[in-house]
Amino acid sequence: MNSIDPEYVVIKTEIDIKSISNDKDGKFTSVIDKNEVVYFGEVFIDASVTNAVISKKVGLRTKKVDLATGVEYNVQYLGNPSEGLLLIGKVYQGGYGWIFPLKENRAIIGFGTFDEKL
């Protein structure tokens, strides 16, 4: 199983993005939060669900939003409570899975897909 290298990738949560910066060629270079903290990177992922904060700001969100269909469960969790998992790849047949630890040895596990036939 492949995983994200914590020495190379930093995942930030609960960041309220205020603005986005790009270079002279239009490439995104940083995002700025509501507290004026600047985050630099080569890849930015907008995980704000249907709010699409970054996508709206850069004009990537279409008027018709494609929503995924999925299922998730709140379960007892025996894994590392400081590690969340986002599962993608061929084994998920165009979908994706997740395991997000919560408090008190609980986690949300789920699967989502954009495949309208499922």
PDB file of N, CA and C in Angstrom:
ATOM      1  N   MET A   1       0.846  -1.183   0.000  1.00  0.00           N
ATOM      2  CA  MET A   1       0.000   0.000   0.000  1.00  0.00           C
ATOM      3  C   MET A   1       0.890   1.246   0.000  1.00  0.00           C
ATOM      4  N   ASN A   2       0.570   2.189  -0.873  1.00  0.00           N
ATOM      5  CA  ASN A   2       1.288   3.459  -0.903  1.00  0.00           C
ATOM      6  C   ASN A   2       0.715   4.383   0.145  1.00  0.00           C
ATOM      7  N   SER A   3       1.540   5.264   0.651  1.00  0.00           N
ATOM      8  CA  SER A   3       1.041   6.234   1.624  1.00  0.00           C
ATOM      9  C   SER A   3       1.697   7.582   1.373  1.00  0.00           C
ATOM     10  N   ILE A   4       1.160   8.604   1.974  1.00  0.00           N
ATOM     11  CA  ILE A   4       1.716   9.947   1.849  1.00  0.00           C
ATOM     12  C   ILE A   4       2.944  10.053   2.732  1.00  0.00           C
ATOM     13  N   ASP A   5       4.020  10.566   2.170  1.00  0.00           N
ATOM     14  CA  ASP A   5       5.270  10.732   2.902  1.00  0.00           C
ATOM     15  C   ASP A   5       5.162  11.976   3.789  1.00  0.00           C
ATOM     16  N   PRO A   6       5.104  11.806   5.114  1.00  0.00           N
ATOM     17  CA  PRO A   6       4.943  12.961   6.009  1.00  0.00           C
ATOM     18  C   PRO A   6       6.141  13.912   5.993  1.00  0.00           C
ATOM     19  N   GLU A   7       7.242  13.484   5.415  1.00  0.00           N
ATOM     20  CA  GLU A   7       8.398  14.381   5.291  1.00  0.00           C
ATOM     21  C   GLU A   7       8.239  15.326   4.097  1.00  0.00           C
ATOM     22  N   TYR A   8       7.307  14.993   3.187  1.00  0.00           N
ATOM     23  CA  TYR A   8       7.129  15.785   1.972  1.00  0.00           C
ATOM     24  C   TYR A   8       5.759  16.458   1.904  1.00  0.00           C
ATOM     25  N   VAL A   9       4.732  15.814   2.458  1.00  0.00           N
ATOM     26  CA  VAL A   9       3.363  16.308   2.365  1.00  0.00           C
ATOM     27  C   VAL A   9       2.872  16.741   3.741  1.00  0.00           C
ATOM     28  N   VAL A  10       2.281  17.925   3.792  1.00  0.00           N
ATOM     29  CA  VAL A  10       1.696  18.434   5.024  1.00  0.00           C
ATOM     30  C   VAL A  10       0.197  18.591   4.780  1.00  0.00           C
ATOM     31  N   ILE A  11      -0.598  17.985   5.632  1.00  0.00           N
ATOM     32  CA  ILE A  11      -2.049  18.102   5.528  1.00  0.00           C
ATOM     33  C   ILE A  11      -2.526  19.039   6.619  1.00  0.00           C
ATOM     34  N   LYS A  12      -3.191  20.102   6.198  1.00  0.00           N
ATOM     35  CA  LYS A  12      -3.748  21.084   7.129  1.00  0.00           C
ATOM     36  C   LYS A  12      -5.269  20.969   7.085  1.00  0.00           C
ATOM     37  N   THR A  13      -5.896  20.994   8.234  1.00  0.00           N
ATOM     38  CA  THR A  13      -7.353  20.935   8.296  1.00  0.00           C
ATOM     39  C   THR A  13      -7.882  22.184   8.990  1.00  0.00           C
ATOM     40  N   GLU A  14      -9.145  22.436   8.794  1.00  0.00           N
ATOM     41  CA  GLU A  14      -9.841  23.549   9.423  1.00  0.00           C
ATOM     42  C   GLU A  14      -9.181  24.893   9.122  1.00  0.00           C
ATOM     43  N   ILE A  15      -8.743  25.062   7.868  1.00  0.00           N
ATOM     44  CA  ILE A  15      -8.149  26.321   7.420  1.00  0.00           C
ATOM     45  C   ILE A  15      -9.203  27.075   6.619  1.00  0.00           C
ATOM     46  N   ASP A  16      -9.491  28.302   7.000  1.00  0.00           N
ATOM     47  CA  ASP A  16     -10.482  29.124   6.317  1.00  0.00           C
ATOM     48  C   ASP A  16      -9.748  29.997   5.297  1.00  0.00           C
ATOM     49  N   ILE A  17      -9.779  29.589   4.037  1.00  0.00           N
ATOM     50  CA  ILE A  17      -9.036  30.283   2.986  1.00  0.00           C
ATOM     51  C   ILE A  17      -9.717  31.599   2.623  1.00  0.00           C
ATOM     52  N   LYS A  18      -8.916  32.659   2.597  1.00  0.00           N
ATOM     53  CA  LYS A  18      -9.412  33.989   2.276  1.00  0.00           C
ATOM     54  C   LYS A  18      -9.058  34.369   0.840  1.00  0.00           C
ATOM     55  N   SER A  19      -7.832  34.054   0.397  1.00  0.00           N
ATOM     56  CA  SER A  19      -7.424  34.410  -0.958  1.00  0.00           C
ATOM     57  C   SER A  19      -6.356  33.444  -1.472  1.00  0.00           C
ATOM     58  N   ILE A  20      -6.121  33.548  -2.760  1.00  0.00           N
ATOM     59  CA  ILE A  20      -5.181  32.663  -3.450  1.00  0.00           C
ATOM     60  C   ILE A  20      -4.219  33.527  -4.237  1.00  0.00           C
ATOM     61  N   SER A  21      -2.934  33.137  -4.259  1.00  0.00           N
ATOM     62  CA  SER A  21      -1.931  33.851  -5.037  1.00  0.00           C
ATOM     63  C   SER A  21      -1.447  32.972  -6.178  1.00  0.00           C
ATOM     64  N   ASN A  22      -1.141  33.619  -7.295  1.00  0.00           N
ATOM     65  CA  ASN A  22      -0.542  32.879  -8.394  1.00  0.00           C
ATOM     66  C   ASN A  22       0.573  33.703  -9.017  1.00  0.00           C
ATOM     67  N   ASP A  23       1.443  32.998  -9.763  1.00  0.00           N
ATOM     68  CA  ASP A  23       2.577  33.675 -10.384  1.00  0.00           C
ATOM     69  C   ASP A  23       2.156  34.294 -11.716  1.00  0.00           C
ATOM     70  N   LYS A  24       3.125  34.887 -12.430  1.00  0.00           N
ATOM     71  CA  LYS A  24       2.823  35.593 -13.683  1.00  0.00           C
ATOM     72  C   LYS A  24       2.274  34.677 -14.762  1.00  0.00           C
ATOM     73  N   ASP A  25       2.516  33.361 -14.629  1.00  0.00           N
ATOM     74  CA  ASP A  25       2.003  32.395 -15.604  1.00  0.00           C
ATOM     75  C   ASP A  25       0.640  31.837 -15.203  1.00  0.00           C
ATOM     76  N   GLY A  26       0.110  32.297 -14.075  1.00  0.00           N
ATOM     77  CA  GLY A  26      -1.193  31.842 -13.613  1.00  0.00           C
ATOM     78  C   GLY A  26      -1.156  30.597 -12.746  1.00  0.00           C
ATOM     79  N   LYS A  27       0.034  30.084 -12.454  1.00  0.00           N
ATOM     80  CA  LYS A  27       0.154  28.892 -11.598  1.00  0.00           C
ATOM     81  C   LYS A  27      -0.090  29.287 -10.144  1.00  0.00           C
ATOM     82  N   PHE A  28      -0.914  28.497  -9.446  1.00  0.00           N
ATOM     83  CA  PHE A  28      -1.186  28.778  -8.038  1.00  0.00           C
ATOM     84  C   PHE A  28       0.076  28.541  -7.224  1.00  0.00           C
ATOM     85  N   THR A  29       0.408  29.482  -6.368  1.00  0.00           N
ATOM     86  CA  THR A  29       1.631  29.375  -5.575  1.00  0.00           C
ATOM     87  C   THR A  29       1.377  29.325  -4.079  1.00  0.00           C
ATOM     88  N   SER A  30       0.265  29.916  -3.639  1.00  0.00           N
ATOM     89  CA  SER A  30      -0.015  29.923  -2.206  1.00  0.00           C
ATOM     90  C   SER A  30      -1.481  30.237  -1.953  1.00  0.00           C
ATOM     91  N   VAL A  31      -1.904  29.917  -0.741  1.00  0.00           N
ATOM     92  CA  VAL A  31      -3.230  30.314  -0.265  1.00  0.00           C
ATOM     93  C   VAL A  31      -3.015  31.071   1.037  1.00  0.00           C
ATOM     94  N   ILE A  32      -3.930  31.986   1.316  1.00  0.00           N
ATOM     95  CA  ILE A  32      -3.828  32.823   2.509  1.00  0.00           C
ATOM     96  C   ILE A  32      -5.105  32.624   3.321  1.00  0.00           C
ATOM     97  N   ASP A  33      -4.943  32.327   4.614  1.00  0.00           N
ATOM     98  CA  ASP A  33      -6.127  32.079   5.433  1.00  0.00           C
ATOM     99  C   ASP A  33      -6.654  33.376   6.040  1.00  0.00           C
ATOM    100  N   LYS A  34      -7.748  33.266   6.768  1.00  0.00           N
ATOM    101  CA  LYS A  34      -8.397  34.451   7.339  1.00  0.00           C
ATOM    102  C   LYS A  34      -7.529  35.158   8.373  1.00  0.00           C
ATOM    103  N   ASN A  35      -6.489  34.456   8.889  1.00  0.00           N
ATOM    104  CA  ASN A  35      -5.564  35.070   9.849  1.00  0.00           C
ATOM    105  C   ASN A  35      -4.303  35.591   9.183  1.00  0.00           C
ATOM    106  N   GLU A  36      -4.325  35.675   7.845  1.00  0.00           N
ATOM    107  CA  GLU A  36      -3.207  36.168   7.032  1.00  0.00           C
ATOM    108  C   GLU A  36      -1.994  35.229   7.026  1.00  0.00           C
ATOM    109  N   VAL A  37      -2.173  33.961   7.417  1.00  0.00           N
ATOM    110  CA  VAL A  37      -1.099  32.971   7.332  1.00  0.00           C
ATOM    111  C   VAL A  37      -1.036  32.489   5.891  1.00  0.00           C
ATOM    112  N   VAL A  38       0.183  32.470   5.324  1.00  0.00           N
ATOM    113  CA  VAL A  38       0.373  32.073   3.929  1.00  0.00           C
ATOM    114  C   VAL A  38       0.883  30.634   3.888  1.00  0.00           C
ATOM    115  N   TYR A  39       0.262  29.813   3.035  1.00  0.00           N
ATOM    116  CA  TYR A  39       0.658  28.412   2.847  1.00  0.00           C
ATOM    117  C   TYR A  39       1.125  28.255   1.410  1.00  0.00           C
ATOM    118  N   PHE A  40       2.381  27.815   1.242  1.00  0.00           N
ATOM    119  CA  PHE A  40       2.941  27.599  -0.080  1.00  0.00           C
ATOM    120  C   PHE A  40       2.891  26.114  -0.416  1.00  0.00           C
ATOM    121  N   GLY A  41       2.790  25.803  -1.700  1.00  0.00           N
ATOM    122  CA  GLY A  41       2.796  24.411  -2.108  1.00  0.00           C
ATOM    123  C   GLY A  41       2.730  24.265  -3.611  1.00  0.00           C
ATOM    124  N   GLU A  42       2.929  23.047  -4.068  1.00  0.00           N
ATOM    125  CA  GLU A  42       2.799  22.747  -5.486  1.00  0.00           C
ATOM    126  C   GLU A  42       1.417  22.199  -5.802  1.00  0.00           C
ATOM    127  N   VAL A  43       0.765  21.586  -4.802  1.00  0.00           N
ATOM    128  CA  VAL A  43      -0.561  21.017  -4.987  1.00  0.00           C
ATOM    129  C   VAL A  43      -1.434  21.467  -3.819  1.00  0.00           C
ATOM    130  N   PHE A  44      -2.619  21.963  -4.145  1.00  0.00           N
ATOM    131  CA  PHE A  44      -3.602  22.344  -3.134  1.00  0.00           C
ATOM    132  C   PHE A  44      -4.860  21.529  -3.398  1.00  0.00           C
ATOM    133  N   ILE A  45      -5.412  20.923  -2.370  1.00  0.00           N
ATOM    134  CA  ILE A  45      -6.620  20.125  -2.512  1.00  0.00           C
ATOM    135  C   ILE A  45      -7.742  20.808  -1.750  1.00  0.00           C
ATOM    136  N   ASP A  46      -8.812  21.105  -2.461  1.00  0.00           N
ATOM    137  CA  ASP A  46      -9.973  21.723  -1.844  1.00  0.00           C
ATOM    138  C   ASP A  46     -10.888  20.615  -1.338  1.00  0.00           C
ATOM    139  N   ALA A  47     -10.853  20.373  -0.031  1.00  0.00           N
ATOM    140  CA  ALA A  47     -11.673  19.320   0.571  1.00  0.00           C
ATOM    141  C   ALA A  47     -12.814  19.919   1.372  1.00  0.00           C
ATOM    142  N   SER A  48     -13.336  21.037   0.899  1.00  0.00           N
ATOM    143  CA  SER A  48     -14.410  21.718   1.630  1.00  0.00           C
ATOM    144  C   SER A  48     -15.790  21.288   1.140  1.00  0.00           C
ATOM    145  N   VAL A  49     -15.865  20.091   0.623  1.00  0.00           N
ATOM    146  CA  VAL A  49     -17.100  19.443   0.200  1.00  0.00           C
ATOM    147  C   VAL A  49     -17.857  20.341  -0.770  1.00  0.00           C
ATOM    148  N   THR A  50     -19.136  20.534  -0.590  1.00  0.00           N
ATOM    149  CA  THR A  50     -19.914  21.318  -1.546  1.00  0.00           C
ATOM    150  C   THR A  50     -19.656  22.817  -1.448  1.00  0.00           C
ATOM    151  N   ASN A  51     -18.932  23.265  -0.415  1.00  0.00           N
ATOM    152  CA  ASN A  51     -18.579  24.679  -0.324  1.00  0.00           C
ATOM    153  C   ASN A  51     -17.572  25.066  -1.402  1.00  0.00           C
ATOM    154  N   ALA A  52     -16.652  24.156  -1.740  1.00  0.00           N
ATOM    155  CA  ALA A  52     -15.658  24.349  -2.798  1.00  0.00           C
ATOM    156  C   ALA A  52     -14.979  25.713  -2.704  1.00  0.00           C
ATOM    157  N   VAL A  53     -14.451  26.028  -1.542  1.00  0.00           N
ATOM    158  CA  VAL A  53     -13.891  27.352  -1.276  1.00  0.00           C
ATOM    159  C   VAL A  53     -12.836  27.745  -2.304  1.00  0.00           C
ATOM    160  N   ILE A  54     -11.807  26.929  -2.466  1.00  0.00           N
ATOM    161  CA  ILE A  54     -10.736  27.259  -3.411  1.00  0.00           C
ATOM    162  C   ILE A  54     -11.271  27.212  -4.841  1.00  0.00           C
ATOM    163  N   SER A  55     -12.038  26.204  -5.154  1.00  0.00           N
ATOM    164  CA  SER A  55     -12.563  26.052  -6.510  1.00  0.00           C
ATOM    165  C   SER A  55     -13.389  27.263  -6.935  1.00  0.00           C
ATOM    166  N   LYS A  56     -14.183  27.808  -6.038  1.00  0.00           N
ATOM    167  CA  LYS A  56     -14.970  29.000  -6.356  1.00  0.00           C
ATOM    168  C   LYS A  56     -14.062  30.200  -6.604  1.00  0.00           C
ATOM    169  N   LYS A  57     -13.055  30.359  -5.746  1.00  0.00           N
ATOM    170  CA  LYS A  57     -12.188  31.523  -5.834  1.00  0.00           C
ATOM    171  C   LYS A  57     -11.388  31.568  -7.133  1.00  0.00           C
ATOM    172  N   VAL A  58     -11.075  30.403  -7.692  1.00  0.00           N
ATOM    173  CA  VAL A  58     -10.272  30.375  -8.926  1.00  0.00           C
ATOM    174  C   VAL A  58     -11.121  30.104 -10.159  1.00  0.00           C
ATOM    175  N   GLY A  59     -12.439  30.031  -9.982  1.00  0.00           N
ATOM    176  CA  GLY A  59     -13.328  29.852 -11.115  1.00  0.00           C
ATOM    177  C   GLY A  59     -13.378  28.440 -11.675  1.00  0.00           C
ATOM    178  N   LEU A  60     -13.032  27.445 -10.883  1.00  0.00           N
ATOM    179  CA  LEU A  60     -13.047  26.067 -11.363  1.00  0.00           C
ATOM    180  C   LEU A  60     -14.380  25.369 -11.128  1.00  0.00           C
ATOM    181  N   ARG A  61     -15.178  25.881 -10.252  1.00  0.00           N
ATOM    182  CA  ARG A  61     -16.446  25.220  -9.928  1.00  0.00           C
ATOM    183  C   ARG A  61     -17.487  25.581 -10.972  1.00  0.00           C
ATOM    184  N   THR A  62     -18.093  24.563 -11.549  1.00  0.00           N
ATOM    185  CA  THR A  62     -19.133  24.784 -12.543  1.00  0.00           C
ATOM    186  C   THR A  62     -20.456  25.065 -11.838  1.00  0.00           C
ATOM    187  N   LYS A  63     -21.400  25.590 -12.599  1.00  0.00           N
ATOM    188  CA  LYS A  63     -22.705  25.877 -12.009  1.00  0.00           C
ATOM    189  C   LYS A  63     -23.412  24.592 -11.604  1.00  0.00           C
ATOM    190  N   LYS A  64     -23.262  23.544 -12.415  1.00  0.00           N
ATOM    191  CA  LYS A  64     -23.842  22.253 -12.072  1.00  0.00           C
ATOM    192  C   LYS A  64     -22.770  21.459 -11.328  1.00  0.00           C
ATOM    193  N   VAL A  65     -23.017  21.165 -10.093  1.00  0.00           N
ATOM    194  CA  VAL A  65     -22.045  20.475  -9.258  1.00  0.00           C
ATOM    195  C   VAL A  65     -22.247  18.973  -9.359  1.00  0.00           C
ATOM    196  N   ASP A  66     -21.157  18.234  -9.596  1.00  0.00           N
ATOM    197  CA  ASP A  66     -21.199  16.783  -9.568  1.00  0.00           C
ATOM    198  C   ASP A  66     -20.984  16.331  -8.134  1.00  0.00           C
ATOM    199  N   LEU A  67     -21.956  15.641  -7.586  1.00  0.00           N
ATOM    200  CA  LEU A  67     -21.841  15.150  -6.225  1.00  0.00           C
ATOM    201  C   LEU A  67     -21.593  13.646  -6.235  1.00  0.00           C
ATOM    202  N   ALA A  68     -20.801  13.204  -5.323  1.00  0.00           N
ATOM    203  CA  ALA A  68     -20.545  11.774  -5.177  1.00  0.00           C
ATOM    204  C   ALA A  68     -21.637  11.153  -4.314  1.00  0.00           C
ATOM    205  N   THR A  69     -21.849   9.867  -4.544  1.00  0.00           N
ATOM    206  CA  THR A  69     -22.741   9.093  -3.699  1.00  0.00           C
ATOM    207  C   THR A  69     -21.881   8.226  -2.810  1.00  0.00           C
ATOM    208  N   GLY A  70     -22.228   8.115  -1.564  1.00  0.00           N
ATOM    209  CA  GLY A  70     -21.396   7.313  -0.675  1.00  0.00           C
ATOM    210  C   GLY A  70     -22.133   6.863   0.555  1.00  0.00           C
ATOM    211  N   VAL A  71     -21.394   6.137   1.330  1.00  0.00           N
ATOM    212  CA  VAL A  71     -21.916   5.642   2.598  1.00  0.00           C
ATOM    213  C   VAL A  71     -20.782   5.734   3.613  1.00  0.00           C
ATOM    214  N   GLU A  72     -21.109   6.071   4.831  1.00  0.00           N
ATOM    215  CA  GLU A  72     -20.096   6.093   5.879  1.00  0.00           C
ATOM    216  C   GLU A  72     -20.704   5.611   7.181  1.00  0.00           C
ATOM    217  N   TYR A  73     -19.821   5.099   8.028  1.00  0.00           N
ATOM    218  CA  TYR A  73     -20.235   4.545   9.310  1.00  0.00           C
ATOM    219  C   TYR A  73     -19.342   5.090  10.410  1.00  0.00           C
ATOM    220  N   ASN A  74     -19.909   5.286  11.578  1.00  0.00           N
ATOM    221  CA  ASN A  74     -19.162   5.649  12.771  1.00  0.00           C
ATOM    222  C   ASN A  74     -18.922   4.350  13.531  1.00  0.00           C
ATOM    223  N   VAL A  75     -17.638   3.959  13.671  1.00  0.00           N
ATOM    224  CA  VAL A  75     -17.301   2.653  14.227  1.00  0.00           C
ATOM    225  C   VAL A  75     -16.246   2.775  15.323  1.00  0.00           C
ATOM    226  N   GLN A  76     -16.080   1.703  16.102  1.00  0.00           N
ATOM    227  CA  GLN A  76     -14.971   1.634  17.045  1.00  0.00           C
ATOM    228  C   GLN A  76     -13.696   1.564  16.221  1.00  0.00           C
ATOM    229  N   TYR A  77     -12.661   2.286  16.660  1.00  0.00           N
ATOM    230  CA  TYR A  77     -11.423   2.369  15.875  1.00  0.00           C
ATOM    231  C   TYR A  77     -10.241   1.879  16.710  1.00  0.00           C
ATOM    232  N   LEU A  78      -9.527   0.926  16.159  1.00  0.00           N
ATOM    233  CA  LEU A  78      -8.369   0.368  16.855  1.00  0.00           C
ATOM    234  C   LEU A  78      -7.052   0.865  16.277  1.00  0.00           C
ATOM    235  N   GLY A  79      -7.104   1.703  15.245  1.00  0.00           N
ATOM    236  CA  GLY A  79      -5.896   2.214  14.601  1.00  0.00           C
ATOM    237  C   GLY A  79      -5.311   3.413  15.322  1.00  0.00           C
ATOM    238  N   ASN A  80      -4.330   4.033  14.680  1.00  0.00           N
ATOM    239  CA  ASN A  80      -3.646   5.202  15.222  1.00  0.00           C
ATOM    240  C   ASN A  80      -4.598   6.404  15.176  1.00  0.00           C
ATOM    241  N   PRO A  81      -4.955   6.985  16.314  1.00  0.00           N
ATOM    242  CA  PRO A  81      -5.924   8.088  16.332  1.00  0.00           C
ATOM    243  C   PRO A  81      -5.395   9.387  15.725  1.00  0.00           C
ATOM    244  N   SER A  82      -4.109   9.460  15.405  1.00  0.00           N
ATOM    245  CA  SER A  82      -3.566  10.679  14.804  1.00  0.00           C
ATOM    246  C   SER A  82      -3.355  10.536  13.297  1.00  0.00           C
ATOM    247  N   GLU A  83      -3.827   9.440  12.698  1.00  0.00           N
ATOM    248  CA  GLU A  83      -3.664   9.233  11.260  1.00  0.00           C
ATOM    249  C   GLU A  83      -5.007   8.987  10.590  1.00  0.00           C
ATOM    250  N   GLY A  84      -5.320   9.830   9.625  1.00  0.00           N
ATOM    251  CA  GLY A  84      -6.500   9.609   8.790  1.00  0.00           C
ATOM    252  C   GLY A  84      -6.045   8.989   7.482  1.00  0.00           C
ATOM    253  N   LEU A  85      -6.917   8.287   6.810  1.00  0.00           N
ATOM    254  CA  LEU A  85      -6.576   7.627   5.559  1.00  0.00           C
ATOM    255  C   LEU A  85      -7.552   8.045   4.470  1.00  0.00           C
ATOM    256  N   LEU A  86      -7.025   8.397   3.298  1.00  0.00           N
ATOM    257  CA  LEU A  86      -7.807   8.608   2.100  1.00  0.00           C
ATOM    258  C   LEU A  86      -7.362   7.537   1.125  1.00  0.00           C
ATOM    259  N   LEU A  87      -8.271   6.686   0.696  1.00  0.00           N
ATOM    260  CA  LEU A  87      -7.949   5.495  -0.076  1.00  0.00           C
ATOM    261  C   LEU A  87      -8.438   5.654  -1.509  1.00  0.00           C
ATOM    262  N   ILE A  88      -7.502   5.637  -2.458  1.00  0.00           N
ATOM    263  CA  ILE A  88      -7.838   5.765  -3.872  1.00  0.00           C
ATOM    264  C   ILE A  88      -7.036   4.751  -4.668  1.00  0.00           C
ATOM    265  N   GLY A  89      -7.412   4.521  -5.883  1.00  0.00           N
ATOM    266  CA  GLY A  89      -6.671   3.606  -6.743  1.00  0.00           C
ATOM    267  C   GLY A  89      -7.598   2.633  -7.448  1.00  0.00           C
ATOM    268  N   LYS A  90      -6.998   1.758  -8.252  1.00  0.00           N
ATOM    269  CA  LYS A  90      -7.762   0.810  -9.057  1.00  0.00           C
ATOM    270  C   LYS A  90      -8.680  -0.071  -8.229  1.00  0.00           C
ATOM    271  N   VAL A  91      -8.241  -0.490  -7.069  1.00  0.00           N
ATOM    272  CA  VAL A  91      -9.047  -1.380  -6.239  1.00  0.00           C
ATOM    273  C   VAL A  91     -10.383  -0.743  -5.850  1.00  0.00           C
ATOM    274  N   TYR A  92     -10.475   0.576  -5.892  1.00  0.00           N
ATOM    275  CA  TYR A  92     -11.708   1.272  -5.535  1.00  0.00           C
ATOM    276  C   TYR A  92     -12.581   1.561  -6.756  1.00  0.00           C
ATOM    277  N   GLN A  93     -12.193   1.065  -7.915  1.00  0.00           N
ATOM    278  CA  GLN A  93     -12.978   1.106  -9.149  1.00  0.00           C
ATOM    279  C   GLN A  93     -13.574   2.484  -9.433  1.00  0.00           C
ATOM    280  N   GLY A  94     -12.746   3.513  -9.401  1.00  0.00           N
ATOM    281  CA  GLY A  94     -13.209   4.860  -9.705  1.00  0.00           C
ATOM    282  C   GLY A  94     -13.780   5.602  -8.513  1.00  0.00           C
ATOM    283  N   GLY A  95     -13.855   4.952  -7.383  1.00  0.00           N
ATOM    284  CA  GLY A  95     -14.346   5.603  -6.182  1.00  0.00           C
ATOM    285  C   GLY A  95     -13.194   5.909  -5.242  1.00  0.00           C
ATOM    286  N   TYR A  96     -13.511   6.088  -3.997  1.00  0.00           N
ATOM    287  CA  TYR A  96     -12.507   6.388  -2.994  1.00  0.00           C
ATOM    288  C   TYR A  96     -13.052   5.982  -1.627  1.00  0.00           C
ATOM    289  N   GLY A  97     -12.154   5.742  -0.716  1.00  0.00           N
ATOM    290  CA  GLY A  97     -12.546   5.383   0.635  1.00  0.00           C
ATOM    291  C   GLY A  97     -11.851   6.287   1.635  1.00  0.00           C
ATOM    292  N   TRP A  98     -12.303   6.243   2.866  1.00  0.00           N
ATOM    293  CA  TRP A  98     -11.672   7.066   3.900  1.00  0.00           C
ATOM    294  C   TRP A  98     -11.841   6.425   5.269  1.00  0.00           C
ATOM    295  N   ILE A  99     -10.884   6.729   6.113  1.00  0.00           N
ATOM    296  CA  ILE A  99     -10.964   6.406   7.537  1.00  0.00           C
ATOM    297  C   ILE A  99     -10.485   7.655   8.269  1.00  0.00           C
ATOM    298  N   PHE A 100     -11.377   8.305   8.997  1.00  0.00           N
ATOM    299  CA  PHE A 100     -11.040   9.516   9.717  1.00  0.00           C
ATOM    300  C   PHE A 100     -11.285   9.302  11.204  1.00  0.00           C
ATOM    301  N   PRO A 101     -10.211   9.218  11.993  1.00  0.00           N
ATOM    302  CA  PRO A 101     -10.370   9.021  13.439  1.00  0.00           C
ATOM    303  C   PRO A 101     -11.119  10.176  14.098  1.00  0.00           C
ATOM    304  N   LEU A 102     -11.900   9.821  15.107  1.00  0.00           N
ATOM    305  CA  LEU A 102     -12.626  10.788  15.921  1.00  0.00           C
ATOM    306  C   LEU A 102     -12.124  10.676  17.358  1.00  0.00           C
ATOM    307  N   LYS A 103     -12.813  11.245  18.280  1.00  0.00           N
ATOM    308  CA  LYS A 103     -12.470  11.118  19.696  1.00  0.00           C
ATOM    309  C   LYS A 103     -12.959   9.787  20.244  1.00  0.00           C
ATOM    310  N   GLU A 104     -12.453   9.417  21.388  1.00  0.00           N
ATOM    311  CA  GLU A 104     -12.913   8.266  22.169  1.00  0.00           C
ATOM    312  C   GLU A 104     -12.888   6.951  21.386  1.00  0.00           C
ATOM    313  N   ASN A 105     -11.774   6.702  20.670  1.00  0.00           N
ATOM    314  CA  ASN A 105     -11.569   5.453  19.920  1.00  0.00           C
ATOM    315  C   ASN A 105     -12.673   5.165  18.916  1.00  0.00           C
ATOM    316  N   ARG A 106     -13.139   6.199  18.239  1.00  0.00           N
ATOM    317  CA  ARG A 106     -14.146   6.068  17.189  1.00  0.00           C
ATOM    318  C   ARG A 106     -13.544   6.582  15.886  1.00  0.00           C
ATOM    319  N   ALA A 107     -14.127   6.188  14.780  1.00  0.00           N
ATOM    320  CA  ALA A 107     -13.693   6.678  13.470  1.00  0.00           C
ATOM    321  C   ALA A 107     -14.871   6.642  12.516  1.00  0.00           C
ATOM    322  N   ILE A 108     -14.788   7.471  11.495  1.00  0.00           N
ATOM    323  CA  ILE A 108     -15.740   7.417  10.392  1.00  0.00           C
ATOM    324  C   ILE A 108     -15.032   6.677   9.264  1.00  0.00           C
ATOM    325  N   ILE A 109     -15.640   5.601   8.782  1.00  0.00           N
ATOM    326  CA  ILE A 109     -15.113   4.900   7.611  1.00  0.00           C
ATOM    327  C   ILE A 109     -16.172   4.992   6.520  1.00  0.00           C
ATOM    328  N   GLY A 110     -15.715   5.073   5.275  1.00  0.00           N
ATOM    329  CA  GLY A 110     -16.706   5.199   4.221  1.00  0.00           C
ATOM    330  C   GLY A 110     -16.144   4.952   2.849  1.00  0.00           C
ATOM    331  N   PHE A 111     -17.054   4.966   1.870  1.00  0.00           N
ATOM    332  CA  PHE A 111     -16.728   4.798   0.460  1.00  0.00           C
ATOM    333  C   PHE A 111     -17.617   5.742  -0.326  1.00  0.00           C
ATOM    334  N   GLY A 112     -17.047   6.382  -1.336  1.00  0.00           N
ATOM    335  CA  GLY A 112     -17.810   7.273  -2.211  1.00  0.00           C
ATOM    336  C   GLY A 112     -17.451   7.024  -3.656  1.00  0.00           C
ATOM    337  N   THR A 113     -18.353   7.388  -4.554  1.00  0.00           N
ATOM    338  CA  THR A 113     -18.109   7.215  -5.985  1.00  0.00           C
ATOM    339  C   THR A 113     -18.891   8.255  -6.775  1.00  0.00           C
ATOM    340  N   PHE A 114     -18.394   8.561  -7.968  1.00  0.00           N
ATOM    341  CA  PHE A 114     -19.108   9.419  -8.902  1.00  0.00           C
ATOM    342  C   PHE A 114     -19.841   8.579  -9.943  1.00  0.00           C
ATOM    343  N   ASP A 115     -19.722   7.282  -9.867  1.00  0.00           N
ATOM    344  CA  ASP A 115     -20.352   6.370 -10.799  1.00  0.00           C
ATOM    345  C   ASP A 115     -21.861   6.363 -10.556  1.00  0.00           C
ATOM    346  N   GLU A 116     -22.628   6.875 -11.492  1.00  0.00           N
ATOM    347  CA  GLU A 116     -24.071   7.006 -11.323  1.00  0.00           C
ATOM    348  C   GLU A 116     -24.792   5.656 -11.393  1.00  0.00           C
ATOM    349  N   LYS A 117     -24.102   4.605 -11.840  1.00  0.00           N
ATOM    350  CA  LYS A 117     -24.737   3.289 -11.966  1.00  0.00           C
ATOM    351  C   LYS A 117     -24.792   2.540 -10.635  1.00  0.00           C
ATOM    352  N   LEU A 118     -24.031   2.998  -9.656  1.00  0.00           N
ATOM    353  CA  LEU A 118     -24.004   2.281  -8.371  1.00  0.00           C
ATOM    354  C   LEU A 118     -25.091   2.746  -7.438  1.00  0.00           C
TER     355      LEU A 118
END
